[in-house]
Amino acid sequence: MKKGLQKVKTPGVASMISLLTALLLANLSLAQTVKNNSPFFEPVRVIQLIDANNRNRQYISSLSTLLNEIQLRTTASLDVEPLLVSTLTDSALGEHSLLYINVDGFDKWEMTPEETLALKQFIESGGFVYLDAGIKSEFLRENNRGIHSFADWEIRPSVGKLFRQMFPEHNFTPIPRNHAVFHLVYSGLPDAGELPEAIRDFVVNEKWPGGTYSLLGMELNGRLAVIASPIIAMGWGKNETGNWLYQIDFRVREGSDQLSQRLSLAAYSGDKFNANRADGLVDIIFTQKNERPGWVQEPGGDYRAFRYYSGEEISDFAHLFYTRLGINIFVYGMLN
């Protein structure tokens, strides 16, 4: 039998977070020992809400791939196939405690009053919800660029509306970078030495500092019950031969004093959109019609251009990072 979680790294954060992490891991190990010795134990099952009417769902196999990685890399006993449900009134919500929803997988994000009540009861009874693509920047929503991830710290409006109906006195707030969810099984970034030198500093210091990400959470009765992120499922899926299913490119910000001056005077054929930052300030994103976003005006007034980089090393790095982040989130949900 395995003892403890494998590949755990000591988080470089405050001692209180380290203590919390250790306690959480110990609880998981103890619970696993008890369950594995029980003839009545069944592996943890993750519920996945799907839109049965959407035949073009993205990343169909991604969650299964991630659950298999969790099974391989931790002591958690999981069923590697999620339990698919098409309505939140399904009885499965009364039998299991982990719910995964890819909000991008829905043509229309609408819940009936019965479903809203069922989700509220699920959360209040101790259920944990992970909303992948629960954050989606305005320029991605407006231009239907569903396959892109972009760091933003504002909940998707349709998601926010639903949760305000259920919990009007609670809000989604940024999860701080020293939170245990970023350090449970993996802490920090994968080896950035494999990245091209031109983008390495940006990725390490700005894109994913310390191996963190733009996550929002909702706490109820002192418990982090809901986590929302920009879409990361594109980083999980593998085919039958073990190869990644999706190519991931990097969007980075590049600038100089001269470039900033030129961009401040540049014309654009698309729209401009706001994107919320972790510090509460706002970036202004400039777009061209039928193109990726071109540049950004940052709160201090400087402009930087978006540049896009692709390649096997970049894609592999992104897949590893998103997989590690997904493992941390789901293990946190199991412990929480």
Protein backbone atom coordinates (compact mmCIF):
# COMPACT_ATOMS: atom_id res chain seq x y z
CA MET A 1 0.00 0.00 0.00
CA LYS A 2 1.23 3.51 -0.76
CA LYS A 3 2.06 5.74 2.17
CA GLY A 4 1.15 9.41 1.82
CA LEU A 5 0.92 11.40 -1.35
CA GLN A 6 3.71 10.99 -3.82
CA LYS A 7 5.70 13.88 -5.24
CA VAL A 8 4.70 16.27 -2.47
CA LYS A 9 6.90 19.34 -2.35
CA THR A 10 7.31 21.60 0.65
CA PRO A 11 5.52 24.86 -0.18
CA GLY A 12 7.60 27.96 0.07
CA VAL A 13 4.90 29.85 1.96
CA ALA A 14 4.15 30.86 5.51
CA SER A 15 4.44 28.23 8.23
CA MET A 16 0.70 28.27 8.83
CA ILE A 17 0.05 27.16 5.26
CA SER A 18 2.69 24.46 5.59
CA LEU A 19 1.03 23.18 8.74
CA LEU A 20 -2.39 23.21 7.10
CA THR A 21 -1.05 21.32 4.10
CA ALA A 22 0.55 18.68 6.31
CA LEU A 23 -2.67 18.20 8.26
CA LEU A 24 -4.72 17.88 5.09
CA LEU A 25 -2.37 15.28 3.65
CA ALA A 26 -2.32 13.34 6.90
CA ASN A 27 -6.12 13.30 6.97
CA LEU A 28 -6.24 12.00 3.40
CA SER A 29 -3.70 9.28 4.17
CA LEU A 30 -5.57 8.22 7.32
CA ALA A 31 -8.92 8.21 5.55
CA GLN A 32 -7.43 6.19 2.73
CA THR A 33 -6.04 3.61 5.16
CA VAL A 34 -9.42 3.17 6.81
CA LYS A 35 -11.29 2.97 3.53
CA ASN A 36 -8.91 0.52 1.89
CA ASN A 37 -9.38 -1.85 4.84
CA SER A 38 -13.16 -1.62 4.66
CA PRO A 39 -15.08 -4.21 2.62
CA PHE A 40 -17.72 -1.55 1.98
CA PHE A 41 -15.35 1.05 0.52
CA GLU A 42 -15.97 2.32 -2.98
CA PRO A 43 -13.59 4.61 -4.91
CA VAL A 44 -14.40 8.30 -4.96
CA ARG A 45 -16.59 9.20 -7.93
CA VAL A 46 -16.50 12.61 -9.57
CA ILE A 47 -19.78 13.85 -11.04
CA GLN A 48 -19.51 15.75 -14.32
CA LEU A 49 -22.44 17.88 -15.45
CA ILE A 50 -22.78 17.91 -19.24
CA ASP A 51 -25.08 19.55 -21.75
CA ALA A 52 -26.77 16.57 -23.38
CA ASN A 53 -27.96 18.78 -26.25
CA ASN A 54 -24.49 20.03 -27.14
CA ARG A 55 -22.91 17.62 -29.62
CA ASN A 56 -19.79 19.77 -29.96
CA ARG A 57 -18.53 19.54 -26.40
CA GLN A 58 -14.84 20.27 -26.07
CA TYR A 59 -12.33 18.22 -24.13
CA ILE A 60 -14.62 15.21 -23.67
CA SER A 61 -11.85 12.88 -22.48
CA SER A 62 -9.90 15.44 -20.48
CA LEU A 63 -11.39 14.77 -17.05
CA SER A 64 -10.84 11.01 -17.36
CA THR A 65 -7.19 11.64 -18.17
CA LEU A 66 -6.78 13.88 -15.14
CA LEU A 67 -8.52 11.45 -12.78
CA ASN A 68 -6.20 8.71 -13.99
CA GLU A 69 -3.20 10.94 -13.20
CA ILE A 70 -4.56 11.57 -9.70
CA GLN A 71 -4.99 7.83 -9.18
CA LEU A 72 -1.40 7.21 -10.31
CA ARG A 73 0.30 10.04 -8.42
CA THR A 74 -1.53 10.14 -5.06
CA THR A 75 -3.02 7.77 -2.52
CA ALA A 76 -6.52 8.87 -3.51
CA SER A 77 -8.71 5.98 -4.62
CA LEU A 78 -10.71 7.31 -7.55
CA ASP A 79 -12.92 5.93 -10.24
CA VAL A 80 -11.09 7.25 -13.30
CA GLU A 81 -14.33 7.55 -15.26
CA PRO A 82 -16.51 10.49 -14.19
CA LEU A 83 -20.19 9.94 -13.56
CA LEU A 84 -21.93 11.94 -16.30
CA VAL A 85 -25.22 13.65 -15.47
CA SER A 86 -27.26 16.01 -17.60
CA THR A 87 -29.27 17.64 -14.82
CA LEU A 88 -28.45 18.83 -11.33
CA THR A 89 -31.57 17.11 -10.02
CA ASP A 90 -29.91 13.75 -10.69
CA SER A 91 -29.85 11.57 -7.56
CA ALA A 92 -26.04 11.26 -7.93
CA LEU A 93 -25.65 14.64 -6.25
CA GLY A 94 -27.01 13.08 -3.08
CA GLU A 95 -24.55 10.19 -3.25
CA HIS A 96 -21.24 11.86 -4.16
CA SER A 97 -19.44 15.02 -3.06
CA LEU A 98 -17.32 16.21 -6.03
CA LEU A 99 -18.92 18.02 -8.97
CA TYR A 100 -17.01 19.17 -12.06
CA ILE A 101 -18.56 21.53 -14.62
CA ASN A 102 -16.90 22.83 -17.79
CA VAL A 103 -19.03 25.92 -18.35
CA ASP A 104 -17.74 26.23 -21.91
CA GLY A 105 -19.43 22.91 -22.65
CA PHE A 106 -22.90 24.47 -22.54
CA ASP A 107 -24.62 26.20 -25.43
CA LYS A 108 -26.67 28.10 -22.86
CA TRP A 109 -25.87 28.27 -19.18
CA GLU A 110 -29.34 28.09 -17.68
CA MET A 111 -30.64 26.19 -14.65
CA THR A 112 -34.22 25.47 -13.71
CA PRO A 113 -35.42 26.47 -10.22
CA GLU A 114 -35.31 22.78 -9.28
CA GLU A 115 -31.70 22.46 -10.42
CA THR A 116 -30.70 25.64 -8.61
CA LEU A 117 -32.19 24.33 -5.38
CA ALA A 118 -30.50 20.95 -5.85
CA LEU A 119 -27.09 22.59 -6.38
CA LYS A 120 -27.60 24.78 -3.32
CA GLN A 121 -28.42 21.74 -1.20
CA PHE A 122 -25.43 19.85 -2.62
CA ILE A 123 -23.05 22.63 -1.58
CA GLU A 124 -24.66 23.21 1.81
CA SER A 125 -24.43 19.50 2.63
CA GLY A 126 -20.65 19.51 2.07
CA GLY A 127 -20.31 19.11 -1.70
CA PHE A 128 -17.40 20.66 -3.58
CA VAL A 129 -17.82 22.28 -7.01
CA TYR A 130 -15.08 23.01 -9.53
CA LEU A 131 -16.17 25.36 -12.32
CA ASP A 132 -13.71 25.05 -15.20
CA ALA A 133 -14.19 28.07 -17.51
CA GLY A 134 -16.16 29.65 -14.66
CA ILE A 135 -13.92 32.62 -15.43
CA LYS A 136 -13.94 33.89 -18.99
CA SER A 137 -12.70 37.31 -20.00
CA GLU A 138 -15.07 39.63 -21.79
CA PHE A 139 -13.12 39.65 -25.06
CA LEU A 140 -13.26 35.83 -25.18
CA ARG A 141 -17.00 35.76 -24.49
CA GLU A 142 -17.80 38.40 -27.08
CA ASN A 143 -15.65 36.88 -29.80
CA ASN A 144 -16.58 33.28 -29.00
CA ARG A 145 -12.92 32.32 -28.61
CA GLY A 146 -13.72 29.37 -26.41
CA ILE A 147 -10.40 27.58 -26.65
CA HIS A 148 -8.31 30.32 -25.06
CA SER A 149 -7.43 30.76 -21.43
CA PHE A 150 -6.77 34.24 -20.07
CA ALA A 151 -5.96 35.31 -16.53
CA ASP A 152 -8.88 37.28 -15.13
CA TRP A 153 -10.22 37.73 -11.61
CA GLU A 154 -13.93 38.21 -12.30
CA ILE A 155 -16.51 35.45 -12.32
CA ARG A 156 -18.30 34.79 -15.59
CA PRO A 157 -21.56 36.82 -15.49
CA SER A 158 -23.88 33.86 -16.08
CA VAL A 159 -22.17 31.90 -13.30
CA GLY A 160 -22.24 34.86 -10.96
CA LYS A 161 -25.96 35.32 -11.54
CA LEU A 162 -26.70 31.69 -10.66
CA PHE A 163 -24.68 31.75 -7.46
CA ARG A 164 -26.16 35.06 -6.33
CA GLN A 165 -29.57 33.39 -6.52
CA MET A 166 -28.36 30.62 -4.24
CA PHE A 167 -26.07 32.56 -1.90
CA PRO A 168 -26.87 36.29 -2.10
CA GLU A 169 -24.68 37.08 0.93
CA HIS A 170 -21.57 35.41 -0.50
CA ASN A 171 -19.22 36.46 -3.31
CA PHE A 172 -16.47 34.95 -5.40
CA THR A 173 -13.14 36.36 -4.29
CA PRO A 174 -9.56 35.84 -5.54
CA ILE A 175 -7.77 32.85 -4.02
CA PRO A 176 -4.45 34.20 -2.70
CA ARG A 177 -1.24 32.82 -4.16
CA ASN A 178 -0.16 31.36 -0.82
CA HIS A 179 -3.34 29.29 -0.47
CA ALA A 180 -2.96 25.56 0.19
CA VAL A 181 -4.71 24.68 -3.08
CA PHE A 182 -1.54 25.71 -4.94
CA HIS A 183 0.74 23.57 -2.78
CA LEU A 184 -1.01 20.33 -1.84
CA VAL A 185 0.59 17.83 -4.20
CA TYR A 186 2.67 20.07 -6.44
CA SER A 187 4.18 23.42 -5.57
CA GLY A 188 5.82 25.82 -7.98
CA LEU A 189 6.27 25.51 -11.73
CA PRO A 190 7.63 22.59 -13.72
CA ASP A 191 11.24 23.01 -14.83
CA ALA A 192 11.18 26.26 -16.80
CA GLY A 193 14.61 25.54 -18.23
CA GLU A 194 12.90 23.76 -21.12
CA LEU A 195 11.16 26.96 -22.20
CA PRO A 196 12.60 29.28 -24.87
CA GLU A 197 14.66 32.01 -23.23
CA ALA A 198 12.57 34.72 -24.91
CA ILE A 199 9.50 33.89 -22.82
CA ARG A 200 10.95 32.25 -19.72
CA ASP A 201 11.06 35.30 -17.45
CA PHE A 202 7.52 36.32 -18.36
CA VAL A 203 6.11 32.84 -17.65
CA VAL A 204 7.95 32.48 -14.35
CA ASN A 205 7.39 35.98 -13.01
CA GLU A 206 4.11 37.15 -14.57
CA LYS A 207 2.11 34.44 -16.31
CA TRP A 208 2.14 31.77 -13.57
CA PRO A 209 4.16 33.22 -10.67
CA GLY A 210 5.17 30.53 -8.21
CA GLY A 211 3.06 27.98 -10.07
CA THR A 212 -0.17 29.84 -9.24
CA TYR A 213 -3.13 30.75 -11.41
CA SER A 214 -6.14 33.04 -11.51
CA LEU A 215 -8.61 31.20 -9.30
CA LEU A 216 -11.74 32.54 -7.62
CA GLY A 217 -13.41 30.86 -4.69
CA MET A 218 -16.61 31.04 -2.66
CA GLU A 219 -16.45 30.25 1.04
CA LEU A 220 -19.42 29.00 3.01
CA ASN A 221 -19.22 28.55 6.78
CA GLY A 222 -15.45 28.78 6.67
CA ARG A 223 -15.11 26.18 3.92
CA LEU A 224 -13.91 26.86 0.38
CA ALA A 225 -16.83 25.13 -1.33
CA VAL A 226 -16.53 26.37 -4.92
CA ILE A 227 -13.49 27.07 -7.10
CA ALA A 228 -13.67 28.73 -10.52
CA SER A 229 -10.87 29.08 -13.07
CA PRO A 230 -10.32 30.02 -16.70
CA ILE A 231 -10.51 26.93 -18.92
CA ILE A 232 -7.68 24.47 -18.17
CA ALA A 233 -9.20 21.21 -19.43
CA MET A 234 -7.28 21.58 -22.70
CA GLY A 235 -4.19 20.74 -20.65
CA TRP A 236 -5.38 17.32 -19.48
CA GLY A 237 -6.52 15.16 -22.39
CA LYS A 238 -4.45 12.28 -23.79
CA ASN A 239 -5.23 9.81 -26.57
CA GLU A 240 -4.98 6.01 -26.37
CA THR A 241 -1.24 6.11 -27.07
CA GLY A 242 -0.60 8.54 -24.22
CA ASN A 243 0.04 11.61 -26.37
CA TRP A 244 -1.51 14.99 -25.64
CA LEU A 245 -4.64 15.70 -27.64
CA TYR A 246 -4.28 19.46 -27.91
CA GLN A 247 -1.56 21.89 -28.91
CA ILE A 248 -1.16 24.77 -26.46
CA ASP A 249 0.43 28.09 -27.43
CA PHE A 250 1.59 30.84 -25.08
CA ARG A 251 0.35 34.40 -25.11
CA VAL A 252 2.93 36.70 -23.56
CA ARG A 253 3.22 40.46 -23.12
CA GLU A 254 6.18 42.25 -24.66
CA GLY A 255 6.97 45.93 -24.53
CA SER A 256 9.38 48.83 -24.49
CA ASP A 257 9.08 52.58 -24.12
CA GLN A 258 9.03 53.10 -27.88
CA LEU A 259 6.52 50.31 -28.45
CA SER A 260 4.27 51.69 -25.73
CA GLN A 261 4.25 55.09 -27.39
CA ARG A 262 3.42 53.61 -30.81
CA LEU A 263 0.64 51.43 -29.45
CA SER A 264 -0.94 54.38 -27.66
CA LEU A 265 -1.53 55.93 -31.09
CA ALA A 266 -2.34 52.72 -33.00
CA ALA A 267 -5.70 52.15 -34.70
CA TYR A 268 -7.66 48.97 -34.07
CA SER A 269 -10.48 47.44 -36.09
CA GLY A 270 -12.12 45.44 -33.33
CA ASP A 271 -13.36 46.36 -29.88
CA LYS A 272 -11.64 46.99 -26.58
CA PHE A 273 -12.48 45.11 -23.41
CA ASN A 274 -11.74 45.26 -19.71
CA ALA A 275 -9.95 42.46 -17.88
CA ASN A 276 -9.78 42.44 -14.09
CA ARG A 277 -6.46 41.97 -12.34
CA ALA A 278 -5.69 40.32 -9.01
CA ASP A 279 -4.93 43.74 -7.49
CA GLY A 280 -8.41 45.02 -8.39
CA LEU A 281 -7.16 47.21 -11.22
CA VAL A 282 -8.14 46.80 -14.88
CA ASP A 283 -6.29 45.98 -18.09
CA ILE A 284 -7.77 47.25 -21.37
CA ILE A 285 -7.52 44.67 -24.15
CA PHE A 286 -7.44 45.91 -27.78
CA THR A 287 -8.54 43.57 -30.55
CA GLN A 288 -8.57 43.42 -34.33
CA LYS A 289 -11.52 41.90 -36.19
CA ASN A 290 -11.23 38.12 -36.60
CA GLU A 291 -7.79 38.16 -34.96
CA ARG A 292 -6.32 37.34 -31.59
CA PRO A 293 -6.08 40.27 -29.17
CA GLY A 294 -3.32 42.60 -30.27
CA TRP A 295 -2.18 44.64 -27.26
CA VAL A 296 -3.04 45.77 -23.76
CA GLN A 297 -3.03 49.04 -21.86
CA GLU A 298 -2.03 48.33 -18.28
CA PRO A 299 -3.22 50.30 -15.23
CA GLY A 300 -0.06 52.42 -15.05
CA GLY A 301 -0.72 53.67 -18.58
CA ASP A 302 1.92 51.59 -20.38
CA TYR A 303 1.06 49.54 -23.45
CA ARG A 304 2.42 46.09 -24.24
CA ALA A 305 1.87 43.92 -27.30
CA PHE A 306 0.64 40.34 -27.14
CA ARG A 307 2.97 37.87 -28.80
CA TYR A 308 2.15 34.23 -29.45
CA TYR A 309 4.68 31.41 -29.18
CA SER A 310 4.23 27.77 -30.07
CA GLY A 311 6.36 24.64 -30.06
CA GLU A 312 6.64 21.21 -28.51
CA GLU A 313 8.53 22.43 -25.44
CA ILE A 314 5.97 25.16 -24.79
CA SER A 315 2.99 22.85 -25.23
CA ASP A 316 4.48 20.11 -23.04
CA PHE A 317 5.29 22.64 -20.30
CA ALA A 318 1.72 23.95 -20.38
CA HIS A 319 0.23 20.44 -20.26
CA LEU A 320 2.35 19.55 -17.25
CA PHE A 321 1.45 22.76 -15.45
CA TYR A 322 -2.31 22.42 -16.09
CA THR A 323 -2.24 18.76 -15.05
CA ARG A 324 -0.46 19.58 -11.81
CA LEU A 325 -2.91 22.42 -11.12
CA GLY A 326 -5.88 20.14 -11.82
CA ILE A 327 -4.51 17.49 -9.45
CA ASN A 328 -4.13 20.09 -6.70
CA ILE A 329 -7.70 21.35 -7.17
CA PHE A 330 -9.33 17.93 -7.09
CA VAL A 331 -7.27 16.69 -4.14
CA TYR A 332 -8.22 19.87 -2.31
CA GLY A 333 -11.87 19.15 -3.10
CA MET A 334 -11.55 15.62 -1.69
CA LEU A 335 -10.01 16.96 1.52
CA ASN A 336 -12.42 19.84 1.83
